[in-house]
mmCIF file of all heavy atoms, coordinates in Angstrom:
data_MODEL
# 
_entry.id   MODEL 
# 
loop_
_atom_site.group_PDB 
_atom_site.id 
_atom_site.type_symbol 
_atom_site.label_atom_id 
_atom_site.label_alt_id 
_atom_site.label_comp_id 
_atom_site.label_asym_id 
_atom_site.label_entity_id 
_atom_site.label_seq_id 
_atom_site.pdbx_PDB_ins_code 
_atom_site.Cartn_x 
_atom_site.Cartn_y 
_atom_site.Cartn_z 
_atom_site.occupancy 
_atom_site.B_iso_or_equiv 
_atom_site.pdbx_formal_charge 
_atom_site.auth_seq_id 
_atom_site.auth_comp_id 
_atom_site.auth_asym_id 
_atom_site.auth_atom_id 
_atom_site.pdbx_PDB_model_num 
ATOM 1   N N   . THR A 1 1  ? -56.516 37.134 63.343 1.00 0.00 ? 1  THR A N   1 
ATOM 2   C CA  . THR A 1 1  ? -56.523 35.680 63.176 1.00 0.00 ? 1  THR A CA  1 
ATOM 3   C C   . THR A 1 1  ? -56.385 34.945 64.499 1.00 0.00 ? 1  THR A C   1 
ATOM 4   O O   . THR A 1 1  ? -56.572 33.730 64.549 1.00 0.00 ? 1  THR A O   1 
ATOM 5   C CB  . THR A 1 1  ? -55.395 35.238 62.226 1.00 0.00 ? 1  THR A CB  1 
ATOM 6   O OG1 . THR A 1 1  ? -54.140 35.678 62.752 1.00 0.00 ? 1  THR A OG1 1 
ATOM 7   C CG2 . THR A 1 1  ? -55.612 35.796 60.832 1.00 0.00 ? 1  THR A CG2 1 
ATOM 8   N N   . GLY A 1 2  ? -56.031 35.655 65.564 1.00 0.00 ? 2  GLY A N   1 
ATOM 9   C CA  . GLY A 1 2  ? -55.914 35.042 66.877 1.00 0.00 ? 2  GLY A CA  1 
ATOM 10  C C   . GLY A 1 2  ? -54.739 34.089 67.024 1.00 0.00 ? 2  GLY A C   1 
ATOM 11  O O   . GLY A 1 2  ? -54.791 33.172 67.825 1.00 0.00 ? 2  GLY A O   1 
ATOM 12  N N   . VAL A 1 3  ? -53.686 34.311 66.266 1.00 0.00 ? 3  VAL A N   1 
ATOM 13  C CA  . VAL A 1 3  ? -52.524 33.411 66.338 1.00 0.00 ? 3  VAL A CA  1 
ATOM 14  C C   . VAL A 1 3  ? -51.486 33.904 67.336 1.00 0.00 ? 3  VAL A C   1 
ATOM 15  O O   . VAL A 1 3  ? -50.291 33.760 67.129 1.00 0.00 ? 3  VAL A O   1 
ATOM 16  C CB  . VAL A 1 3  ? -51.881 33.181 64.938 1.00 0.00 ? 3  VAL A CB  1 
ATOM 17  C CG1 . VAL A 1 3  ? -52.830 32.428 64.032 1.00 0.00 ? 3  VAL A CG1 1 
ATOM 18  C CG2 . VAL A 1 3  ? -51.445 34.496 64.316 1.00 0.00 ? 3  VAL A CG2 1 
ATOM 19  N N   . HIS A 1 4  ? -51.949 34.474 68.441 1.00 0.00 ? 4  HIS A N   1 
ATOM 20  C CA  . HIS A 1 4  ? -51.045 34.961 69.482 1.00 0.00 ? 4  HIS A CA  1 
ATOM 21  C C   . HIS A 1 4  ? -50.212 33.814 70.023 1.00 0.00 ? 4  HIS A C   1 
ATOM 22  O O   . HIS A 1 4  ? -50.718 32.724 70.239 1.00 0.00 ? 4  HIS A O   1 
ATOM 23  C CB  . HIS A 1 4  ? -51.833 35.555 70.657 1.00 0.00 ? 4  HIS A CB  1 
ATOM 24  C CG  . HIS A 1 4  ? -52.857 36.542 70.244 1.00 0.00 ? 4  HIS A CG  1 
ATOM 25  N ND1 . HIS A 1 4  ? -52.543 37.837 69.958 1.00 0.00 ? 4  HIS A ND1 1 
ATOM 26  C CD2 . HIS A 1 4  ? -54.182 36.416 70.061 1.00 0.00 ? 4  HIS A CD2 1 
ATOM 27  C CE1 . HIS A 1 4  ? -53.640 38.474 69.619 1.00 0.00 ? 4  HIS A CE1 1 
ATOM 28  N NE2 . HIS A 1 4  ? -54.649 37.632 69.668 1.00 0.00 ? 4  HIS A NE2 1 
ATOM 29  N N   . SER A 1 5  ? -48.958 34.100 70.243 1.00 0.00 ? 5  SER A N   1 
ATOM 30  C CA  . SER A 1 5  ? -48.085 33.100 70.863 1.00 0.00 ? 5  SER A CA  1 
ATOM 31  C C   . SER A 1 5  ? -46.901 33.832 71.478 1.00 0.00 ? 5  SER A C   1 
ATOM 32  O O   . SER A 1 5  ? -46.723 35.036 71.275 1.00 0.00 ? 5  SER A O   1 
ATOM 33  C CB  . SER A 1 5  ? -47.598 32.094 69.829 1.00 0.00 ? 5  SER A CB  1 
ATOM 34  O OG  . SER A 1 5  ? -46.714 32.705 68.897 1.00 0.00 ? 5  SER A OG  1 
ATOM 35  N N   . GLY A 1 6  ? -46.098 33.104 72.194 1.00 0.00 ? 6  GLY A N   1 
ATOM 36  C CA  . GLY A 1 6  ? -44.864 33.686 72.710 1.00 0.00 ? 6  GLY A CA  1 
ATOM 37  C C   . GLY A 1 6  ? -43.963 34.151 71.579 1.00 0.00 ? 6  GLY A C   1 
ATOM 38  O O   . GLY A 1 6  ? -43.253 35.148 71.702 1.00 0.00 ? 6  GLY A O   1 
ATOM 39  N N   . MET A 1 7  ? -44.044 33.421 70.458 1.00 0.00 ? 7  MET A N   1 
ATOM 40  C CA  . MET A 1 7  ? -43.218 33.792 69.305 1.00 0.00 ? 7  MET A CA  1 
ATOM 41  C C   . MET A 1 7  ? -43.667 35.128 68.695 1.00 0.00 ? 7  MET A C   1 
ATOM 42  O O   . MET A 1 7  ? -42.832 35.977 68.378 1.00 0.00 ? 7  MET A O   1 
ATOM 43  C CB  . MET A 1 7  ? -43.276 32.695 68.245 1.00 0.00 ? 7  MET A CB  1 
ATOM 44  C CG  . MET A 1 7  ? -42.376 32.961 67.056 1.00 0.00 ? 7  MET A CG  1 
ATOM 45  S SD  . MET A 1 7  ? -42.369 31.603 65.872 1.00 0.00 ? 7  MET A SD  1 
ATOM 46  C CE  . MET A 1 7  ? -44.041 31.688 65.266 1.00 0.00 ? 7  MET A CE  1 
ATOM 47  N N   . THR A 1 8  ? -44.978 35.330 68.552 1.00 0.00 ? 8  THR A N   1 
ATOM 48  C CA  . THR A 1 8  ? -45.443 36.586 67.964 1.00 0.00 ? 8  THR A CA  1 
ATOM 49  C C   . THR A 1 8  ? -45.218 37.760 68.923 1.00 0.00 ? 8  THR A C   1 
ATOM 50  O O   . THR A 1 8  ? -44.855 38.852 68.496 1.00 0.00 ? 8  THR A O   1 
ATOM 51  C CB  . THR A 1 8  ? -46.925 36.508 67.540 1.00 0.00 ? 8  THR A CB  1 
ATOM 52  O OG1 . THR A 1 8  ? -47.724 36.163 68.679 1.00 0.00 ? 8  THR A OG1 1 
ATOM 53  C CG2 . THR A 1 8  ? -47.122 35.501 66.425 1.00 0.00 ? 8  THR A CG2 1 
ATOM 54  N N   . ALA A 1 9  ? -45.421 37.517 70.213 1.00 0.00 ? 9  ALA A N   1 
ATOM 55  C CA  . ALA A 1 9  ? -45.149 38.570 71.203 1.00 0.00 ? 9  ALA A CA  1 
ATOM 56  C C   . ALA A 1 9  ? -43.665 38.906 71.212 1.00 0.00 ? 9  ALA A C   1 
ATOM 57  O O   . ALA A 1 9  ? -43.278 40.080 71.237 1.00 0.00 ? 9  ALA A O   1 
ATOM 58  C CB  . ALA A 1 9  ? -45.605 38.129 72.588 1.00 0.00 ? 9  ALA A CB  1 
ATOM 59  N N   . GLY A 1 10 ? -42.823 37.888 71.155 1.00 0.00 ? 10 GLY A N   1 
ATOM 60  C CA  . GLY A 1 10 ? -41.374 38.106 71.113 1.00 0.00 ? 10 GLY A CA  1 
ATOM 61  C C   . GLY A 1 10 ? -40.944 38.833 69.855 1.00 0.00 ? 10 GLY A C   1 
ATOM 62  O O   . GLY A 1 10 ? -40.045 39.684 69.890 1.00 0.00 ? 10 GLY A O   1 
ATOM 63  N N   . ALA A 1 11 ? -41.588 38.519 68.736 1.00 0.00 ? 11 ALA A N   1 
ATOM 64  C CA  . ALA A 1 11 ? -41.264 39.197 67.470 1.00 0.00 ? 11 ALA A CA  1 
ATOM 65  C C   . ALA A 1 11 ? -41.599 40.686 67.563 1.00 0.00 ? 11 ALA A C   1 
ATOM 66  O O   . ALA A 1 11 ? -40.852 41.527 67.059 1.00 0.00 ? 11 ALA A O   1 
ATOM 67  C CB  . ALA A 1 11 ? -42.010 38.544 66.312 1.00 0.00 ? 11 ALA A CB  1 
ATOM 68  N N   . CYS A 1 12 ? -42.708 41.006 68.219 1.00 0.00 ? 12 CYS A N   1 
ATOM 69  C CA  . CYS A 1 12 ? -43.092 42.419 68.366 1.00 0.00 ? 12 CYS A CA  1 
ATOM 70  C C   . CYS A 1 12 ? -42.117 43.160 69.281 1.00 0.00 ? 12 CYS A C   1 
ATOM 71  O O   . CYS A 1 12 ? -41.761 44.309 69.006 1.00 0.00 ? 12 CYS A O   1 
ATOM 72  C CB  . CYS A 1 12 ? -44.518 42.531 68.882 1.00 0.00 ? 12 CYS A CB  1 
ATOM 73  S SG  . CYS A 1 12 ? -45.749 41.995 67.660 1.00 0.00 ? 12 CYS A SG  1 
ATOM 74  N N   . ALA A 1 13 ? -41.678 42.506 70.353 1.00 0.00 ? 13 ALA A N   1 
ATOM 75  C CA  . ALA A 1 13 ? -40.673 43.115 71.232 1.00 0.00 ? 13 ALA A CA  1 
ATOM 76  C C   . ALA A 1 13 ? -39.352 43.271 70.489 1.00 0.00 ? 13 ALA A C   1 
ATOM 77  O O   . ALA A 1 13 ? -38.688 44.311 70.594 1.00 0.00 ? 13 ALA A O   1 
ATOM 78  C CB  . ALA A 1 13 ? -40.489 42.270 72.488 1.00 0.00 ? 13 ALA A CB  1 
ATOM 79  N N   . LEU A 1 14 ? -38.976 42.244 69.731 1.00 0.00 ? 14 LEU A N   1 
ATOM 80  C CA  . LEU A 1 14 ? -37.753 42.320 68.923 1.00 0.00 ? 14 LEU A CA  1 
ATOM 81  C C   . LEU A 1 14 ? -37.824 43.491 67.958 1.00 0.00 ? 14 LEU A C   1 
ATOM 82  O O   . LEU A 1 14 ? -36.861 44.250 67.806 1.00 0.00 ? 14 LEU A O   1 
ATOM 83  C CB  . LEU A 1 14 ? -37.537 41.012 68.159 1.00 0.00 ? 14 LEU A CB  1 
ATOM 84  C CG  . LEU A 1 14 ? -36.393 41.010 67.140 1.00 0.00 ? 14 LEU A CG  1 
ATOM 85  C CD1 . LEU A 1 14 ? -35.054 41.219 67.838 1.00 0.00 ? 14 LEU A CD1 1 
ATOM 86  C CD2 . LEU A 1 14 ? -36.410 39.709 66.334 1.00 0.00 ? 14 LEU A CD2 1 
ATOM 87  N N   . TYR A 1 15 ? -38.975 43.663 67.316 1.00 0.00 ? 15 TYR A N   1 
ATOM 88  C CA  . TYR A 1 15 ? -39.139 44.768 66.369 1.00 0.00 ? 15 TYR A CA  1 
ATOM 89  C C   . TYR A 1 15 ? -38.925 46.115 67.060 1.00 0.00 ? 15 TYR A C   1 
ATOM 90  O O   . TYR A 1 15 ? -38.207 46.980 66.546 1.00 0.00 ? 15 TYR A O   1 
ATOM 91  C CB  . TYR A 1 15 ? -40.528 44.723 65.722 1.00 0.00 ? 15 TYR A CB  1 
ATOM 92  C CG  . TYR A 1 15 ? -40.675 45.758 64.642 1.00 0.00 ? 15 TYR A CG  1 
ATOM 93  C CD1 . TYR A 1 15 ? -40.199 45.524 63.371 1.00 0.00 ? 15 TYR A CD1 1 
ATOM 94  C CD2 . TYR A 1 15 ? -41.264 46.993 64.904 1.00 0.00 ? 15 TYR A CD2 1 
ATOM 95  C CE1 . TYR A 1 15 ? -40.302 46.479 62.378 1.00 0.00 ? 15 TYR A CE1 1 
ATOM 96  C CE2 . TYR A 1 15 ? -41.367 47.953 63.932 1.00 0.00 ? 15 TYR A CE2 1 
ATOM 97  C CZ  . TYR A 1 15 ? -40.881 47.700 62.667 1.00 0.00 ? 15 TYR A CZ  1 
ATOM 98  O OH  . TYR A 1 15 ? -40.971 48.662 61.694 1.00 0.00 ? 15 TYR A OH  1 
ATOM 99  N N   . PHE A 1 16 ? -39.532 46.288 68.229 1.00 0.00 ? 16 PHE A N   1 
ATOM 100 C CA  . PHE A 1 16 ? -39.378 47.540 68.970 1.00 0.00 ? 16 PHE A CA  1 
ATOM 101 C C   . PHE A 1 16 ? -37.903 47.837 69.229 1.00 0.00 ? 16 PHE A C   1 
ATOM 102 O O   . PHE A 1 16 ? -37.411 48.929 68.919 1.00 0.00 ? 16 PHE A O   1 
ATOM 103 C CB  . PHE A 1 16 ? -40.139 47.477 70.299 1.00 0.00 ? 16 PHE A CB  1 
ATOM 104 C CG  . PHE A 1 16 ? -39.883 48.660 71.184 1.00 0.00 ? 16 PHE A CG  1 
ATOM 105 C CD1 . PHE A 1 16 ? -40.613 49.826 71.029 1.00 0.00 ? 16 PHE A CD1 1 
ATOM 106 C CD2 . PHE A 1 16 ? -38.901 48.623 72.171 1.00 0.00 ? 16 PHE A CD2 1 
ATOM 107 C CE1 . PHE A 1 16 ? -40.380 50.938 71.840 1.00 0.00 ? 16 PHE A CE1 1 
ATOM 108 C CE2 . PHE A 1 16 ? -38.657 49.722 72.983 1.00 0.00 ? 16 PHE A CE2 1 
ATOM 109 C CZ  . PHE A 1 16 ? -39.397 50.880 72.818 1.00 0.00 ? 16 PHE A CZ  1 
ATOM 110 N N   . PHE A 1 17 ? -37.178 46.876 69.795 1.00 0.00 ? 17 PHE A N   1 
ATOM 111 C CA  . PHE A 1 17 ? -35.775 47.113 70.146 1.00 0.00 ? 17 PHE A CA  1 
ATOM 112 C C   . PHE A 1 17 ? -34.881 47.211 68.909 1.00 0.00 ? 17 PHE A C   1 
ATOM 113 O O   . PHE A 1 17 ? -33.900 47.962 68.904 1.00 0.00 ? 17 PHE A O   1 
ATOM 114 C CB  . PHE A 1 17 ? -35.279 46.048 71.123 1.00 0.00 ? 17 PHE A CB  1 
ATOM 115 C CG  . PHE A 1 17 ? -35.881 46.217 72.488 1.00 0.00 ? 17 PHE A CG  1 
ATOM 116 C CD1 . PHE A 1 17 ? -36.816 45.317 72.967 1.00 0.00 ? 17 PHE A CD1 1 
ATOM 117 C CD2 . PHE A 1 17 ? -35.532 47.304 73.289 1.00 0.00 ? 17 PHE A CD2 1 
ATOM 118 C CE1 . PHE A 1 17 ? -37.386 45.483 74.214 1.00 0.00 ? 17 PHE A CE1 1 
ATOM 119 C CE2 . PHE A 1 17 ? -36.104 47.484 74.540 1.00 0.00 ? 17 PHE A CE2 1 
ATOM 120 C CZ  . PHE A 1 17 ? -37.028 46.566 75.006 1.00 0.00 ? 17 PHE A CZ  1 
ATOM 121 N N   . ALA A 1 18 ? -35.240 46.494 67.854 1.00 0.00 ? 18 ALA A N   1 
ATOM 122 C CA  . ALA A 1 18 ? -34.471 46.601 66.606 1.00 0.00 ? 18 ALA A CA  1 
ATOM 123 C C   . ALA A 1 18 ? -34.613 47.999 66.008 1.00 0.00 ? 18 ALA A C   1 
ATOM 124 O O   . ALA A 1 18 ? -33.632 48.590 65.542 1.00 0.00 ? 18 ALA A O   1 
ATOM 125 C CB  . ALA A 1 18 ? -34.937 45.538 65.601 1.00 0.00 ? 18 ALA A CB  1 
ATOM 126 N N   . ARG A 1 19 ? -35.827 48.548 66.053 1.00 0.00 ? 19 ARG A N   1 
ATOM 127 C CA  . ARG A 1 19 ? -36.030 49.892 65.493 1.00 0.00 ? 19 ARG A CA  1 
ATOM 128 C C   . ARG A 1 19 ? -35.359 50.950 66.366 1.00 0.00 ? 19 ARG A C   1 
ATOM 129 O O   . ARG A 1 19 ? -34.790 51.911 65.858 1.00 0.00 ? 19 ARG A O   1 
ATOM 130 C CB  . ARG A 1 19 ? -37.526 50.196 65.332 1.00 0.00 ? 19 ARG A CB  1 
ATOM 131 C CG  . ARG A 1 19 ? -38.243 49.343 64.326 1.00 0.00 ? 19 ARG A CG  1 
ATOM 132 C CD  . ARG A 1 19 ? -37.536 49.191 62.998 1.00 0.00 ? 19 ARG A CD  1 
ATOM 133 N NE  . ARG A 1 19 ? -37.210 50.473 62.397 1.00 0.00 ? 19 ARG A NE  1 
ATOM 134 C CZ  . ARG A 1 19 ? -36.596 50.619 61.223 1.00 0.00 ? 19 ARG A CZ  1 
ATOM 135 N NH1 . ARG A 1 19 ? -36.243 49.578 60.518 1.00 0.00 ? 19 ARG A NH1 1 
ATOM 136 N NH2 . ARG A 1 19 ? -36.314 51.806 60.764 1.00 0.00 ? 19 ARG A NH2 1 
ATOM 137 N N   . LEU A 1 20 ? -35.418 50.778 67.670 1.00 0.00 ? 20 LEU A N   1 
ATOM 138 C CA  . LEU A 1 20 ? -34.732 51.710 68.561 1.00 0.00 ? 20 LEU A CA  1 
ATOM 139 C C   . LEU A 1 20 ? -33.227 51.657 68.312 1.00 0.00 ? 20 LEU A C   1 
ATOM 140 O O   . LEU A 1 20 ? -32.574 52.696 68.165 1.00 0.00 ? 20 LEU A O   1 
ATOM 141 C CB  . LEU A 1 20 ? -35.050 51.377 70.024 1.00 0.00 ? 20 LEU A CB  1 
ATOM 142 C CG  . LEU A 1 20 ? -34.326 52.218 71.080 1.00 0.00 ? 20 LEU A CG  1 
ATOM 143 C CD1 . LEU A 1 20 ? -34.660 53.698 70.936 1.00 0.00 ? 20 LEU A CD1 1 
ATOM 144 C CD2 . LEU A 1 20 ? -34.679 51.712 72.470 1.00 0.00 ? 20 LEU A CD2 1 
ATOM 145 N N   . GLY A 1 21 ? -32.687 50.457 68.253 1.00 0.00 ? 21 GLY A N   1 
ATOM 146 C CA  . GLY A 1 21 ? -31.258 50.305 67.981 1.00 0.00 ? 21 GLY A CA  1 
ATOM 147 C C   . GLY A 1 21 ? -30.878 50.861 66.628 1.00 0.00 ? 21 GLY A C   1 
ATOM 148 O O   . GLY A 1 21 ? -29.827 51.504 66.472 1.00 0.00 ? 21 GLY A O   1 
ATOM 149 N N   . HIS A 1 22 ? -31.728 50.662 65.622 1.00 0.00 ? 22 HIS A N   1 
ATOM 150 C CA  . HIS A 1 22 ? -31.455 51.166 64.279 1.00 0.00 ? 22 HIS A CA  1 
ATOM 151 C C   . HIS A 1 22 ? -31.305 52.681 64.285 1.00 0.00 ? 22 HIS A C   1 
ATOM 152 O O   . HIS A 1 22 ? -30.374 53.231 63.689 1.00 0.00 ? 22 HIS A O   1 
ATOM 153 C CB  . HIS A 1 22 ? -32.575 50.737 63.323 1.00 0.00 ? 22 HIS A CB  1 
ATOM 154 C CG  . HIS A 1 22 ? -32.376 51.179 61.921 1.00 0.00 ? 22 HIS A CG  1 
ATOM 155 N ND1 . HIS A 1 22 ? -32.959 52.322 61.423 1.00 0.00 ? 22 HIS A ND1 1 
ATOM 156 C CD2 . HIS A 1 22 ? -31.659 50.647 60.910 1.00 0.00 ? 22 HIS A CD2 1 
ATOM 157 C CE1 . HIS A 1 22 ? -32.603 52.462 60.153 1.00 0.00 ? 22 HIS A CE1 1 
ATOM 158 N NE2 . HIS A 1 22 ? -31.814 51.460 59.818 1.00 0.00 ? 22 HIS A NE2 1 
ATOM 159 N N   . VAL A 1 23 ? -32.206 53.354 64.960 1.00 0.00 ? 23 VAL A N   1 
ATOM 160 C CA  . VAL A 1 23 ? -32.139 54.821 65.014 1.00 0.00 ? 23 VAL A CA  1 
ATOM 161 C C   . VAL A 1 23 ? -30.868 55.279 65.726 1.00 0.00 ? 23 VAL A C   1 
ATOM 162 O O   . VAL A 1 23 ? -30.172 56.184 65.255 1.00 0.00 ? 23 VAL A O   1 
ATOM 163 C CB  . VAL A 1 23 ? -33.398 55.409 65.693 1.00 0.00 ? 23 VAL A CB  1 
ATOM 164 C CG1 . VAL A 1 23 ? -33.214 56.877 66.037 1.00 0.00 ? 23 VAL A CG1 1 
ATOM 165 C CG2 . VAL A 1 23 ? -34.600 55.227 64.790 1.00 0.00 ? 23 VAL A CG2 1 
ATOM 166 N N   . ILE A 1 24 ? -30.548 54.656 66.828 1.00 0.00 ? 24 ILE A N   1 
ATOM 167 C CA  . ILE A 1 24 ? -29.359 55.062 67.594 1.00 0.00 ? 24 ILE A CA  1 
ATOM 168 C C   . ILE A 1 24 ? -28.090 54.886 66.773 1.00 0.00 ? 24 ILE A C   1 
ATOM 169 O O   . ILE A 1 24 ? -27.272 55.804 66.672 1.00 0.00 ? 24 ILE A O   1 
ATOM 170 C CB  . ILE A 1 24 ? -29.284 54.292 68.927 1.00 0.00 ? 24 ILE A CB  1 
ATOM 171 C CG1 . ILE A 1 24 ? -30.421 54.734 69.853 1.00 0.00 ? 24 ILE A CG1 1 
ATOM 172 C CG2 . ILE A 1 24 ? -27.931 54.489 69.598 1.00 0.00 ? 24 ILE A CG2 1 
ATOM 173 C CD1 . ILE A 1 24 ? -30.622 53.839 71.061 1.00 0.00 ? 24 ILE A CD1 1 
ATOM 174 N N   . VAL A 1 25 ? -27.929 53.722 66.166 1.00 0.00 ? 25 VAL A N   1 
ATOM 175 C CA  . VAL A 1 25 ? -26.684 53.501 65.415 1.00 0.00 ? 25 VAL A CA  1 
ATOM 176 C C   . VAL A 1 25 ? -26.671 54.286 64.112 1.00 0.00 ? 25 VAL A C   1 
ATOM 177 O O   . VAL A 1 25 ? -25.608 54.643 63.614 1.00 0.00 ? 25 VAL A O   1 
ATOM 178 C CB  . VAL A 1 25 ? -26.393 51.999 65.181 1.00 0.00 ? 25 VAL A CB  1 
ATOM 179 C CG1 . VAL A 1 25 ? -26.213 51.271 66.497 1.00 0.00 ? 25 VAL A CG1 1 
ATOM 180 C CG2 . VAL A 1 25 ? -27.454 51.337 64.346 1.00 0.00 ? 25 VAL A CG2 1 
ATOM 181 N N   . TYR A 1 26 ? -27.836 54.591 63.558 1.00 0.00 ? 26 TYR A N   1 
ATOM 182 C CA  . TYR A 1 26 ? -27.896 55.443 62.363 1.00 0.00 ? 26 TYR A CA  1 
ATOM 183 C C   . TYR A 1 26 ? -27.405 56.841 62.711 1.00 0.00 ? 26 TYR A C   1 
ATOM 184 O O   . TYR A 1 26 ? -26.598 57.430 61.988 1.00 0.00 ? 26 TYR A O   1 
ATOM 185 C CB  . TYR A 1 26 ? -29.337 55.492 61.850 1.00 0.00 ? 26 TYR A CB  1 
ATOM 186 C CG  . TYR A 1 26 ? -29.488 55.837 60.388 1.00 0.00 ? 26 TYR A CG  1 
ATOM 187 C CD1 . TYR A 1 26 ? -30.351 55.103 59.582 1.00 0.00 ? 26 TYR A CD1 1 
ATOM 188 C CD2 . TYR A 1 26 ? -28.806 56.889 59.794 1.00 0.00 ? 26 TYR A CD2 1 
ATOM 189 C CE1 . TYR A 1 26 ? -30.523 55.407 58.243 1.00 0.00 ? 26 TYR A CE1 1 
ATOM 190 C CE2 . TYR A 1 26 ? -28.974 57.199 58.459 1.00 0.00 ? 26 TYR A CE2 1 
ATOM 191 C CZ  . TYR A 1 26 ? -29.832 56.454 57.693 1.00 0.00 ? 26 TYR A CZ  1 
ATOM 192 O OH  . TYR A 1 26 ? -30.003 56.763 56.370 1.00 0.00 ? 26 TYR A OH  1 
ATOM 193 N N   . VAL A 1 27 ? -27.882 57.378 63.819 1.00 0.00 ? 27 VAL A N   1 
ATOM 194 C CA  . VAL A 1 27 ? -27.483 58.724 64.235 1.00 0.00 ? 27 VAL A CA  1 
ATOM 195 C C   . VAL A 1 27 ? -25.980 58.788 64.509 1.00 0.00 ? 27 VAL A C   1 
ATOM 196 O O   . VAL A 1 27 ? -25.304 59.748 64.131 1.00 0.00 ? 27 VAL A O   1 
ATOM 197 C CB  . VAL A 1 27 ? -28.291 59.187 65.466 1.00 0.00 ? 27 VAL A CB  1 
ATOM 198 C CG1 . VAL A 1 27 ? -27.695 60.439 66.084 1.00 0.00 ? 27 VAL A CG1 1 
ATOM 199 C CG2 . VAL A 1 27 ? -29.744 59.419 65.081 1.00 0.00 ? 27 VAL A CG2 1 
# 
C-alpha cells in the first residue's frame, strides 16, 4: 500500500526488540 512512515518503521523495530526480549525473559 506504500504507507511507509517513521511510525511503521518504528513499529517494525519495536516488534524485533519485543520478540527478542520476549524470548530472553521467557528462557
